Amino acid sequence: MTIRKSTIALACAALLVLGMPAVPANAADLPPLSHSLTKQTPKPAPALKLPDLDGSPHDLAKLKGKVVLINFWATWCPPCRREMPSMERLSQTLSGEAFTALAVDVGEDTDTIEAFASQLEATPTFPILLDRRSHAMQAWKVGGLPTTFLIDKRGRIVASAIGGREFDHPEIVRSIRQLLKE
């Protein structure tokens, strides 16, 4: 199939008339990631039992005594892709403390996730869990991606966020360190 230059020009003109860019935006053109989580009245976190990329099971209930950051995401989601490196930096910053990050991929296969992870400057060292049929996403009432939850040492959701975050921002790190002291 051949596409004429006039067809491409016409399509680009139509996009501009509609107020849409004719080419995809670069990361530098996108709005910055947020650096806050919304505190909420603590409530018990739903169950979360999922396998990781290697098939090893992970159970949130076994992480009581730790602060846990749970991020629902997908490789096709631009803000999800943008925030992943900061989640790795946060994980490294808090390594050795009673903290863990869990990235719950929604609806994708291992090959797709591994291909994405191989493109990152640093491969994630935290568990990437597979929610292939979106059951966990439904149980957690996730309405959009990315969605993040912060779980305290008692297994309660104490903060959340919808949309991309810069997880290693001092404000988020401070919030997590405060929970680690409790």
C-alpha atoms as a PDB file:
ATOM      1  CA  MET A   1       0.000   0.000   0.000  1.00  0.00           C
ATOM      2  CA  THR A   2       1.355   3.404  -0.974  1.00  0.00           C
ATOM      3  CA  ILE A   3       0.470   6.584   0.817  1.00  0.00           C
ATOM      4  CA  ARG A   4       0.827   9.793  -1.163  1.00  0.00           C
ATOM      5  CA  LYS A   5       2.491  12.822   0.342  1.00  0.00           C
ATOM      6  CA  SER A   6      -0.677  14.789  -0.381  1.00  0.00           C
ATOM      7  CA  THR A   7      -2.673  12.340   1.766  1.00  0.00           C
ATOM      8  CA  ILE A   8      -0.235  12.757   4.661  1.00  0.00           C
ATOM      9  CA  ALA A   9      -0.292  16.550   4.283  1.00  0.00           C
ATOM     10  CA  LEU A  10      -4.093  16.533   4.263  1.00  0.00           C
ATOM     11  CA  ALA A  11      -4.208  14.367   7.414  1.00  0.00           C
ATOM     12  CA  CYS A  12      -1.719  16.645   9.207  1.00  0.00           C
ATOM     13  CA  ALA A  13      -3.729  19.729   8.179  1.00  0.00           C
ATOM     14  CA  ALA A  14      -6.917  18.133   9.509  1.00  0.00           C
ATOM     15  CA  LEU A  15      -5.219  17.412  12.836  1.00  0.00           C
ATOM     16  CA  LEU A  16      -3.998  20.996  13.117  1.00  0.00           C
ATOM     17  CA  VAL A  17      -7.471  22.354  12.348  1.00  0.00           C
ATOM     18  CA  LEU A  18      -8.844  20.139  15.121  1.00  0.00           C
ATOM     19  CA  GLY A  19      -6.191  21.499  17.468  1.00  0.00           C
ATOM     20  CA  MET A  20      -4.223  18.272  17.627  1.00  0.00           C
ATOM     21  CA  PRO A  21      -0.475  18.069  17.015  1.00  0.00           C
ATOM     22  CA  ALA A  22       0.508  16.462  13.716  1.00  0.00           C
ATOM     23  CA  VAL A  23       3.377  14.580  15.360  1.00  0.00           C
ATOM     24  CA  PRO A  24       3.525  12.811  18.722  1.00  0.00           C
ATOM     25  CA  ALA A  25       4.654  14.973  21.622  1.00  0.00           C
ATOM     26  CA  ASN A  26       8.146  14.481  23.000  1.00  0.00           C
ATOM     27  CA  ALA A  27       8.576  13.791  26.719  1.00  0.00           C
ATOM     28  CA  ALA A  28       9.876  17.352  27.104  1.00  0.00           C
ATOM     29  CA  ASP A  29       6.583  18.647  25.651  1.00  0.00           C
ATOM     30  CA  LEU A  30       4.430  16.747  28.150  1.00  0.00           C
ATOM     31  CA  PRO A  31       3.303  18.259  31.458  1.00  0.00           C
ATOM     32  CA  PRO A  32       5.509  17.424  34.435  1.00  0.00           C
ATOM     33  CA  LEU A  33       4.665  14.465  36.619  1.00  0.00           C
ATOM     34  CA  SER A  34       2.999  15.364  39.909  1.00  0.00           C
ATOM     35  CA  HIS A  35       4.829  14.894  43.203  1.00  0.00           C
ATOM     36  CA  SER A  36       2.038  14.452  45.705  1.00  0.00           C
ATOM     37  CA  LEU A  37      -0.206  11.730  47.033  1.00  0.00           C
ATOM     38  CA  THR A  38      -3.661  12.445  48.440  1.00  0.00           C
ATOM     39  CA  LYS A  39      -3.932  11.426  52.083  1.00  0.00           C
ATOM     40  CA  GLN A  40      -7.108   9.620  53.063  1.00  0.00           C
ATOM     41  CA  THR A  41      -8.714   8.135  56.121  1.00  0.00           C
ATOM     42  CA  PRO A  42      -6.957   4.792  56.589  1.00  0.00           C
ATOM     43  CA  LYS A  43      -8.949   1.800  55.387  1.00  0.00           C
ATOM     44  CA  PRO A  44      -7.992  -1.856  54.979  1.00  0.00           C
ATOM     45  CA  ALA A  45      -6.365  -2.606  51.640  1.00  0.00           C
ATOM     46  CA  PRO A  46      -8.108  -5.208  49.465  1.00  0.00           C
ATOM     47  CA  ALA A  47      -6.367  -8.531  48.983  1.00  0.00           C
ATOM     48  CA  LEU A  48      -3.610  -8.585  46.391  1.00  0.00           C
ATOM     49  CA  LYS A  49      -2.233 -11.981  45.374  1.00  0.00           C
ATOM     50  CA  LEU A  50      -0.557 -12.007  41.974  1.00  0.00           C
ATOM     51  CA  PRO A  51       2.386 -13.672  40.230  1.00  0.00           C
ATOM     52  CA  ASP A  52       5.430 -11.709  39.110  1.00  0.00           C
ATOM     53  CA  LEU A  53       7.114 -11.941  35.710  1.00  0.00           C
ATOM     54  CA  ASP A  54       8.832 -15.197  36.735  1.00  0.00           C
ATOM     55  CA  GLY A  55       5.590 -16.747  38.003  1.00  0.00           C
ATOM     56  CA  SER A  56       6.525 -16.370  41.692  1.00  0.00           C
ATOM     57  CA  PRO A  57       3.504 -15.502  43.859  1.00  0.00           C
ATOM     58  CA  HIS A  58       3.294 -12.256  45.829  1.00  0.00           C
ATOM     59  CA  ASP A  59       0.778 -11.604  48.598  1.00  0.00           C
ATOM     60  CA  LEU A  60       0.242  -8.144  50.091  1.00  0.00           C
ATOM     61  CA  ALA A  61      -0.912  -9.744  53.367  1.00  0.00           C
ATOM     62  CA  LYS A  62       2.613 -11.108  53.863  1.00  0.00           C
ATOM     63  CA  LEU A  63       4.032  -7.569  53.664  1.00  0.00           C
ATOM     64  CA  LYS A  64       2.425  -6.312  56.903  1.00  0.00           C
ATOM     65  CA  GLY A  65       5.079  -4.477  58.860  1.00  0.00           C
ATOM     66  CA  LYS A  66       6.288  -2.764  55.675  1.00  0.00           C
ATOM     67  CA  VAL A  67       5.176   0.385  53.900  1.00  0.00           C
ATOM     68  CA  VAL A  68       4.088  -0.603  50.397  1.00  0.00           C
ATOM     69  CA  LEU A  69       3.655   1.516  47.286  1.00  0.00           C
ATOM     70  CA  ILE A  70       1.320  -0.200  44.806  1.00  0.00           C
ATOM     71  CA  ASN A  71       1.185   1.206  41.296  1.00  0.00           C
ATOM     72  CA  PHE A  72      -1.339  -0.033  38.707  1.00  0.00           C
ATOM     73  CA  TRP A  73       0.046   0.608  35.226  1.00  0.00           C
ATOM     74  CA  ALA A  74       0.456  -0.617  31.631  1.00  0.00           C
ATOM     75  CA  THR A  75       3.185  -0.226  29.019  1.00  0.00           C
ATOM     76  CA  TRP A  76       0.820   1.513  26.555  1.00  0.00           C
ATOM     77  CA  CYS A  77       0.097   4.303  29.081  1.00  0.00           C
ATOM     78  CA  PRO A  78       2.426   7.336  28.530  1.00  0.00           C
ATOM     79  CA  PRO A  79       2.443   8.632  32.154  1.00  0.00           C
ATOM     80  CA  CYS A  80       2.957   5.046  33.380  1.00  0.00           C
ATOM     81  CA  ARG A  81       6.011   4.748  31.155  1.00  0.00           C
ATOM     82  CA  ARG A  82       7.342   8.115  32.329  1.00  0.00           C
ATOM     83  CA  GLU A  83       6.996   7.403  36.059  1.00  0.00           C
ATOM     84  CA  MET A  84       8.605   3.936  36.066  1.00  0.00           C
ATOM     85  CA  PRO A  85      12.242   5.198  36.346  1.00  0.00           C
ATOM     86  CA  SER A  86      11.332   7.334  39.368  1.00  0.00           C
ATOM     87  CA  MET A  87       9.751   4.301  41.037  1.00  0.00           C
ATOM     88  CA  GLU A  88      13.044   2.458  40.603  1.00  0.00           C
ATOM     89  CA  ARG A  89      14.979   5.416  42.053  1.00  0.00           C
ATOM     90  CA  LEU A  90      12.583   5.501  45.032  1.00  0.00           C
ATOM     91  CA  SER A  91      13.020   1.771  45.532  1.00  0.00           C
ATOM     92  CA  GLN A  92      16.806   2.180  45.526  1.00  0.00           C
ATOM     93  CA  THR A  93      16.660   5.196  47.860  1.00  0.00           C
ATOM     94  CA  LEU A  94      14.660   3.212  50.429  1.00  0.00           C
ATOM     95  CA  SER A  95      16.404  -0.139  49.982  1.00  0.00           C
ATOM     96  CA  GLY A  96      17.260  -1.689  53.333  1.00  0.00           C
ATOM     97  CA  GLU A  97      14.235  -0.065  54.974  1.00  0.00           C
ATOM     98  CA  ALA A  98      10.820  -1.616  55.663  1.00  0.00           C
ATOM     99  CA  PHE A  99       9.539  -0.504  52.254  1.00  0.00           C
ATOM    100  CA  THR A 100       8.651  -2.176  48.998  1.00  0.00           C
ATOM    101  CA  ALA A 101       7.199  -1.025  45.692  1.00  0.00           C
ATOM    102  CA  LEU A 102       4.919  -3.245  43.630  1.00  0.00           C
ATOM    103  CA  ALA A 103       4.055  -2.441  40.021  1.00  0.00           C
ATOM    104  CA  VAL A 104       0.831  -4.173  38.973  1.00  0.00           C
ATOM    105  CA  ASP A 105       0.666  -4.426  35.195  1.00  0.00           C
ATOM    106  CA  VAL A 106      -2.909  -4.627  33.966  1.00  0.00           C
ATOM    107  CA  GLY A 107      -3.798  -6.926  31.078  1.00  0.00           C
ATOM    108  CA  GLU A 108      -0.454  -7.432  29.369  1.00  0.00           C
ATOM    109  CA  ASP A 109       1.796 -10.416  28.793  1.00  0.00           C
ATOM    110  CA  THR A 110       5.295 -11.018  30.101  1.00  0.00           C
ATOM    111  CA  ASP A 111       6.983 -10.447  26.722  1.00  0.00           C
ATOM    112  CA  THR A 112       5.421  -6.989  26.335  1.00  0.00           C
ATOM    113  CA  ILE A 113       6.472  -5.952  29.844  1.00  0.00           C
ATOM    114  CA  GLU A 114       9.998  -7.321  29.494  1.00  0.00           C
ATOM    115  CA  ALA A 115      10.429  -5.540  26.137  1.00  0.00           C
ATOM    116  CA  PHE A 116       9.400  -2.264  27.804  1.00  0.00           C
ATOM    117  CA  ALA A 117      11.628  -2.835  30.861  1.00  0.00           C
ATOM    118  CA  SER A 118      14.624  -3.534  28.621  1.00  0.00           C
ATOM    119  CA  GLN A 119      14.294  -0.017  27.174  1.00  0.00           C
ATOM    120  CA  LEU A 120      14.662   1.649  30.572  1.00  0.00           C
ATOM    121  CA  GLU A 121      18.010   3.028  31.735  1.00  0.00           C
ATOM    122  CA  ALA A 122      17.761   0.853  34.847  1.00  0.00           C
ATOM    123  CA  THR A 123      15.777  -2.368  34.845  1.00  0.00           C
ATOM    124  CA  PRO A 124      13.260  -2.327  37.709  1.00  0.00           C
ATOM    125  CA  THR A 125      14.438  -4.283  40.740  1.00  0.00           C
ATOM    126  CA  PHE A 126      11.027  -4.202  42.444  1.00  0.00           C
ATOM    127  CA  PRO A 127       8.408  -6.858  41.639  1.00  0.00           C
ATOM    128  CA  ILE A 128       6.260  -6.361  38.556  1.00  0.00           C
ATOM    129  CA  LEU A 129       3.050  -8.278  39.119  1.00  0.00           C
ATOM    130  CA  LEU A 130       0.664  -9.549  36.447  1.00  0.00           C
ATOM    131  CA  ASP A 131      -3.039  -8.716  36.644  1.00  0.00           C
ATOM    132  CA  ARG A 132      -3.823 -10.352  33.309  1.00  0.00           C
ATOM    133  CA  ARG A 133      -7.620 -10.339  33.688  1.00  0.00           C
ATOM    134  CA  SER A 134      -7.902  -7.057  35.622  1.00  0.00           C
ATOM    135  CA  HIS A 135      -9.399  -8.746  38.697  1.00  0.00           C
ATOM    136  CA  ALA A 136      -7.079  -6.877  41.099  1.00  0.00           C
ATOM    137  CA  MET A 137      -7.747  -3.623  39.267  1.00  0.00           C
ATOM    138  CA  GLN A 138     -11.486  -4.144  39.823  1.00  0.00           C
ATOM    139  CA  ALA A 139     -11.063  -5.160  43.477  1.00  0.00           C
ATOM    140  CA  TRP A 140      -9.006  -2.032  44.112  1.00  0.00           C
ATOM    141  CA  LYS A 141     -11.572   0.106  42.212  1.00  0.00           C
ATOM    142  CA  VAL A 142      -8.941   1.501  39.853  1.00  0.00           C
ATOM    143  CA  GLY A 143     -10.659   3.793  37.357  1.00  0.00           C
ATOM    144  CA  GLY A 144      -7.663   4.849  35.297  1.00  0.00           C
ATOM    145  CA  LEU A 145      -3.976   4.243  34.787  1.00  0.00           C
ATOM    146  CA  PRO A 146      -1.672   4.955  36.441  1.00  0.00           C
ATOM    147  CA  THR A 147      -3.215   4.720  39.891  1.00  0.00           C
ATOM    148  CA  THR A 148      -1.078   4.469  43.001  1.00  0.00           C
ATOM    149  CA  PHE A 149      -1.838   3.467  46.577  1.00  0.00           C
ATOM    150  CA  LEU A 150       0.337   3.895  49.663  1.00  0.00           C
ATOM    151  CA  ILE A 151      -0.162   1.176  52.277  1.00  0.00           C
ATOM    152  CA  ASP A 152       0.973   1.609  55.880  1.00  0.00           C
ATOM    153  CA  LYS A 153       2.623  -1.074  58.031  1.00  0.00           C
ATOM    154  CA  ARG A 154      -0.789  -2.216  59.267  1.00  0.00           C
ATOM    155  CA  GLY A 155      -2.011  -3.000  55.750  1.00  0.00           C
ATOM    156  CA  ARG A 156      -4.208   0.078  55.369  1.00  0.00           C
ATOM    157  CA  ILE A 157      -4.485   2.420  52.378  1.00  0.00           C
ATOM    158  CA  VAL A 158      -3.419   5.829  53.697  1.00  0.00           C
ATOM    159  CA  ALA A 159      -2.882   7.744  50.444  1.00  0.00           C
ATOM    160  CA  SER A 160      -3.541   7.423  46.742  1.00  0.00           C
ATOM    161  CA  ALA A 161      -3.075   9.169  43.425  1.00  0.00           C
ATOM    162  CA  ILE A 162      -4.437   8.971  39.908  1.00  0.00           C
ATOM    163  CA  GLY A 163      -2.036  10.040  37.165  1.00  0.00           C
ATOM    164  CA  GLY A 164       1.714  10.069  36.750  1.00  0.00           C
ATOM    165  CA  ARG A 165       3.973  10.763  39.716  1.00  0.00           C
ATOM    166  CA  GLU A 166       7.638  11.561  40.240  1.00  0.00           C
ATOM    167  CA  PHE A 167       8.002   8.975  43.001  1.00  0.00           C
ATOM    168  CA  ASP A 168      11.473  10.010  44.131  1.00  0.00           C
ATOM    169  CA  HIS A 169      10.418  13.628  44.673  1.00  0.00           C
ATOM    170  CA  PRO A 170      11.341  14.777  48.213  1.00  0.00           C
ATOM    171  CA  GLU A 171       7.662  15.315  49.118  1.00  0.00           C
ATOM    172  CA  ILE A 172       6.746  11.680  48.387  1.00  0.00           C
ATOM    173  CA  VAL A 173       9.930  10.344  49.988  1.00  0.00           C
ATOM    174  CA  ARG A 174       9.143  12.430  53.106  1.00  0.00           C
ATOM    175  CA  SER A 175       5.599  10.981  53.269  1.00  0.00           C
ATOM    176  CA  ILE A 176       6.943   7.429  53.053  1.00  0.00           C
ATOM    177  CA  ARG A 177       9.684   8.035  55.619  1.00  0.00           C
ATOM    178  CA  GLN A 178       7.031   9.422  58.014  1.00  0.00           C
ATOM    179  CA  LEU A 179       5.040   6.184  57.632  1.00  0.00           C
ATOM    180  CA  LEU A 180       8.207   4.151  58.218  1.00  0.00           C
ATOM    181  CA  LYS A 181       8.586   5.875  61.627  1.00  0.00           C
ATOM    182  CA  GLU A 182       5.052   4.976  62.735  1.00  0.00           C
END
